[in-house]
Amino acid sequence: WGRLIVVGSVQERRPHPEMIGYSASKGAQENLVRSVARQVASEGITVNNICPGVFYTDRNIEALADPVYGPKVTAAIPMHRYAMPEDAAGTALLLASDAGSYITGATIAVDGGLSLPG
């Protein structure tokens, strides 16, 4: 048995027009998760994808601090805030634990509603 947890991106479902290659690769990754999940499920291995939204990390702190861009991004998130790294921890713990042993091939958005249609 085992647990495989992949980190995708909100761009799987809500691509950014200036990051076409990144969005396409994350979409392909989501399909890969479903394919591998089907192949290894009978061995008790789960394969899932955590799909994070906009997280406040060192990687994007400068962009999110921009007085024009930052508020624009926050306004697009239904929860009106950025995620912190610990916001994804509960999802990862669930998928890695016995409590998540019957979840496989899933993409779980941790994005404050950013990937919701509308």
C-alpha atoms as a PDB file:
ATOM      1  CA  TRP A   1       0.000   0.000   0.000  1.00  0.00           C
ATOM      2  CA  GLY A   2       1.043   3.606  -0.193  1.00  0.00           C
ATOM      3  CA  ARG A   3       0.061   7.208  -0.647  1.00  0.00           C
ATOM      4  CA  LEU A   4       1.140   9.423  -3.510  1.00  0.00           C
ATOM      5  CA  ILE A   5       0.224  13.091  -3.169  1.00  0.00           C
ATOM      6  CA  VAL A   6       0.919  15.435  -6.049  1.00  0.00           C
ATOM      7  CA  VAL A   7       0.854  19.223  -5.830  1.00  0.00           C
ATOM      8  CA  GLY A   8      -0.958  20.751  -8.761  1.00  0.00           C
ATOM      9  CA  SER A   9      -2.211  24.296  -9.203  1.00  0.00           C
ATOM     10  CA  VAL A  10      -5.413  26.305  -9.432  1.00  0.00           C
ATOM     11  CA  GLN A  11      -4.307  26.856 -13.012  1.00  0.00           C
ATOM     12  CA  GLU A  12      -5.496  23.351 -13.854  1.00  0.00           C
ATOM     13  CA  ARG A  13      -9.005  24.780 -13.693  1.00  0.00           C
ATOM     14  CA  ARG A  14      -8.408  28.521 -14.037  1.00  0.00           C
ATOM     15  CA  PRO A  15      -5.473  29.074 -16.401  1.00  0.00           C
ATOM     16  CA  HIS A  16      -3.549  32.333 -16.406  1.00  0.00           C
ATOM     17  CA  PRO A  17      -3.183  33.746 -19.943  1.00  0.00           C
ATOM     18  CA  GLU A  18       0.475  34.637 -19.360  1.00  0.00           C
ATOM     19  CA  MET A  19       1.436  31.171 -18.100  1.00  0.00           C
ATOM     20  CA  ILE A  20       0.189  28.869 -20.848  1.00  0.00           C
ATOM     21  CA  GLY A  21       2.932  26.253 -20.527  1.00  0.00           C
ATOM     22  CA  TYR A  22       2.573  26.049 -16.762  1.00  0.00           C
ATOM     23  CA  SER A  23      -1.220  25.763 -16.953  1.00  0.00           C
ATOM     24  CA  ALA A  24      -1.011  23.058 -19.624  1.00  0.00           C
ATOM     25  CA  SER A  25       1.531  21.042 -17.656  1.00  0.00           C
ATOM     26  CA  LYS A  26      -0.579  21.182 -14.490  1.00  0.00           C
ATOM     27  CA  GLY A  27      -3.642  20.062 -16.468  1.00  0.00           C
ATOM     28  CA  ALA A  28      -1.637  17.139 -17.833  1.00  0.00           C
ATOM     29  CA  GLN A  29      -0.459  16.336 -14.304  1.00  0.00           C
ATOM     30  CA  GLU A  30      -4.079  16.107 -13.146  1.00  0.00           C
ATOM     31  CA  ASN A  31      -4.786  13.561 -15.894  1.00  0.00           C
ATOM     32  CA  LEU A  32      -1.653  11.638 -14.954  1.00  0.00           C
ATOM     33  CA  VAL A  33      -2.868  11.400 -11.345  1.00  0.00           C
ATOM     34  CA  ARG A  34      -6.175   9.875 -12.474  1.00  0.00           C
ATOM     35  CA  SER A  35      -4.438   7.419 -14.806  1.00  0.00           C
ATOM     36  CA  VAL A  36      -1.907   6.238 -12.235  1.00  0.00           C
ATOM     37  CA  ALA A  37      -4.610   6.044  -9.545  1.00  0.00           C
ATOM     38  CA  ARG A  38      -6.569   3.604 -11.689  1.00  0.00           C
ATOM     39  CA  GLN A  39      -3.463   1.493 -12.346  1.00  0.00           C
ATOM     40  CA  VAL A  40      -2.364   1.081  -8.718  1.00  0.00           C
ATOM     41  CA  ALA A  41      -5.647   1.171  -6.764  1.00  0.00           C
ATOM     42  CA  SER A  42      -5.872  -2.630  -6.510  1.00  0.00           C
ATOM     43  CA  GLU A  43      -2.545  -2.610  -4.661  1.00  0.00           C
ATOM     44  CA  GLY A  44      -3.935  -0.297  -1.971  1.00  0.00           C
ATOM     45  CA  ILE A  45      -2.039   2.701  -3.305  1.00  0.00           C
ATOM     46  CA  THR A  46      -3.861   6.012  -3.474  1.00  0.00           C
ATOM     47  CA  VAL A  47      -2.841   8.794  -5.838  1.00  0.00           C
ATOM     48  CA  ASN A  48      -4.291  12.261  -5.337  1.00  0.00           C
ATOM     49  CA  ASN A  49      -3.701  15.843  -6.364  1.00  0.00           C
ATOM     50  CA  ILE A  50      -3.807  18.877  -4.089  1.00  0.00           C
ATOM     51  CA  CYS A  51      -4.711  21.897  -6.177  1.00  0.00           C
ATOM     52  CA  PRO A  52      -3.537  25.028  -4.342  1.00  0.00           C
ATOM     53  CA  GLY A  53      -4.641  28.526  -5.180  1.00  0.00           C
ATOM     54  CA  VAL A  54      -2.766  31.707  -4.325  1.00  0.00           C
ATOM     55  CA  PHE A  55      -0.497  31.020  -1.368  1.00  0.00           C
ATOM     56  CA  TYR A  56       1.470  33.713   0.398  1.00  0.00           C
ATOM     57  CA  THR A  57       4.987  32.338   0.088  1.00  0.00           C
ATOM     58  CA  ASP A  58       8.487  33.640  -0.623  1.00  0.00           C
ATOM     59  CA  ARG A  59       7.940  32.772  -4.294  1.00  0.00           C
ATOM     60  CA  ASN A  60       5.219  35.372  -4.820  1.00  0.00           C
ATOM     61  CA  ILE A  61       5.519  37.771  -1.877  1.00  0.00           C
ATOM     62  CA  GLU A  62       6.813  40.581  -4.101  1.00  0.00           C
ATOM     63  CA  ALA A  63       3.988  40.292  -6.644  1.00  0.00           C
ATOM     64  CA  LEU A  64       1.311  40.101  -3.951  1.00  0.00           C
ATOM     65  CA  ALA A  65       2.754  43.166  -2.210  1.00  0.00           C
ATOM     66  CA  ASP A  66       2.165  45.241  -5.360  1.00  0.00           C
ATOM     67  CA  PRO A  67      -0.526  47.824  -4.471  1.00  0.00           C
ATOM     68  CA  VAL A  68      -2.417  47.249  -7.737  1.00  0.00           C
ATOM     69  CA  TYR A  69      -1.888  43.539  -8.410  1.00  0.00           C
ATOM     70  CA  GLY A  70      -2.306  42.264  -4.822  1.00  0.00           C
ATOM     71  CA  PRO A  71      -5.817  43.643  -4.236  1.00  0.00           C
ATOM     72  CA  LYS A  72      -6.881  42.507  -7.717  1.00  0.00           C
ATOM     73  CA  VAL A  73      -5.875  38.943  -6.872  1.00  0.00           C
ATOM     74  CA  THR A  74      -7.540  39.051  -3.460  1.00  0.00           C
ATOM     75  CA  ALA A  75     -10.768  40.344  -5.014  1.00  0.00           C
ATOM     76  CA  ALA A  76     -10.867  37.312  -7.350  1.00  0.00           C
ATOM     77  CA  ILE A  77     -10.718  34.866  -4.416  1.00  0.00           C
ATOM     78  CA  PRO A  78     -14.194  34.301  -2.929  1.00  0.00           C
ATOM     79  CA  MET A  79     -12.689  34.066   0.583  1.00  0.00           C
ATOM     80  CA  HIS A  80     -10.861  37.386  -0.084  1.00  0.00           C
ATOM     81  CA  ARG A  81      -7.543  36.291   1.339  1.00  0.00           C
ATOM     82  CA  TYR A  82      -4.409  34.456   0.327  1.00  0.00           C
ATOM     83  CA  ALA A  83      -3.709  31.007   1.649  1.00  0.00           C
ATOM     84  CA  MET A  84      -0.860  30.294   4.010  1.00  0.00           C
ATOM     85  CA  PRO A  85       1.201  27.099   3.641  1.00  0.00           C
ATOM     86  CA  GLU A  86      -0.518  25.552   6.671  1.00  0.00           C
ATOM     87  CA  ASP A  87      -3.872  25.857   4.869  1.00  0.00           C
ATOM     88  CA  ALA A  88      -2.913  22.853   2.722  1.00  0.00           C
ATOM     89  CA  ALA A  89      -1.547  20.792   5.605  1.00  0.00           C
ATOM     90  CA  GLY A  90      -4.919  19.342   6.664  1.00  0.00           C
ATOM     91  CA  THR A  91      -5.649  18.136   3.141  1.00  0.00           C
ATOM     92  CA  ALA A  92      -2.241  16.500   2.883  1.00  0.00           C
ATOM     93  CA  LEU A  93      -2.662  14.854   6.298  1.00  0.00           C
ATOM     94  CA  LEU A  94      -6.076  13.500   5.306  1.00  0.00           C
ATOM     95  CA  LEU A  95      -4.772  12.035   2.056  1.00  0.00           C
ATOM     96  CA  ALA A  96      -1.741  10.497   3.775  1.00  0.00           C
ATOM     97  CA  SER A  97      -3.736   8.948   6.627  1.00  0.00           C
ATOM     98  CA  ASP A  98      -6.000   5.944   7.044  1.00  0.00           C
ATOM     99  CA  ALA A  99      -8.933   8.376   7.013  1.00  0.00           C
ATOM    100  CA  GLY A 100      -8.127   9.051   3.345  1.00  0.00           C
ATOM    101  CA  SER A 101      -7.589   5.427   2.350  1.00  0.00           C
ATOM    102  CA  TYR A 102     -10.668   5.361   0.070  1.00  0.00           C
ATOM    103  CA  ILE A 103      -9.865   8.608  -1.751  1.00  0.00           C
ATOM    104  CA  THR A 104      -7.962   8.108  -4.981  1.00  0.00           C
ATOM    105  CA  GLY A 105      -7.711   9.873  -8.307  1.00  0.00           C
ATOM    106  CA  ALA A 106      -9.076  13.048  -6.743  1.00  0.00           C
ATOM    107  CA  THR A 107      -8.104  16.645  -7.169  1.00  0.00           C
ATOM    108  CA  ILE A 108      -8.837  18.637  -4.051  1.00  0.00           C
ATOM    109  CA  ALA A 109      -8.814  22.400  -4.434  1.00  0.00           C
ATOM    110  CA  VAL A 110      -7.312  24.372  -1.572  1.00  0.00           C
ATOM    111  CA  ASP A 111      -7.911  27.748  -3.132  1.00  0.00           C
ATOM    112  CA  GLY A 112     -10.476  29.730  -1.161  1.00  0.00           C
ATOM    113  CA  GLY A 113     -12.974  29.171  -3.962  1.00  0.00           C
ATOM    114  CA  LEU A 114     -10.801  30.642  -6.724  1.00  0.00           C
ATOM    115  CA  SER A 115     -11.464  27.734  -9.095  1.00  0.00           C
ATOM    116  CA  LEU A 116     -15.233  27.941  -8.697  1.00  0.00           C
ATOM    117  CA  PRO A 117     -17.071  28.849 -11.898  1.00  0.00           C
ATOM    118  CA  GLY A 118     -18.596  32.273 -12.210  1.00  0.00           C
END
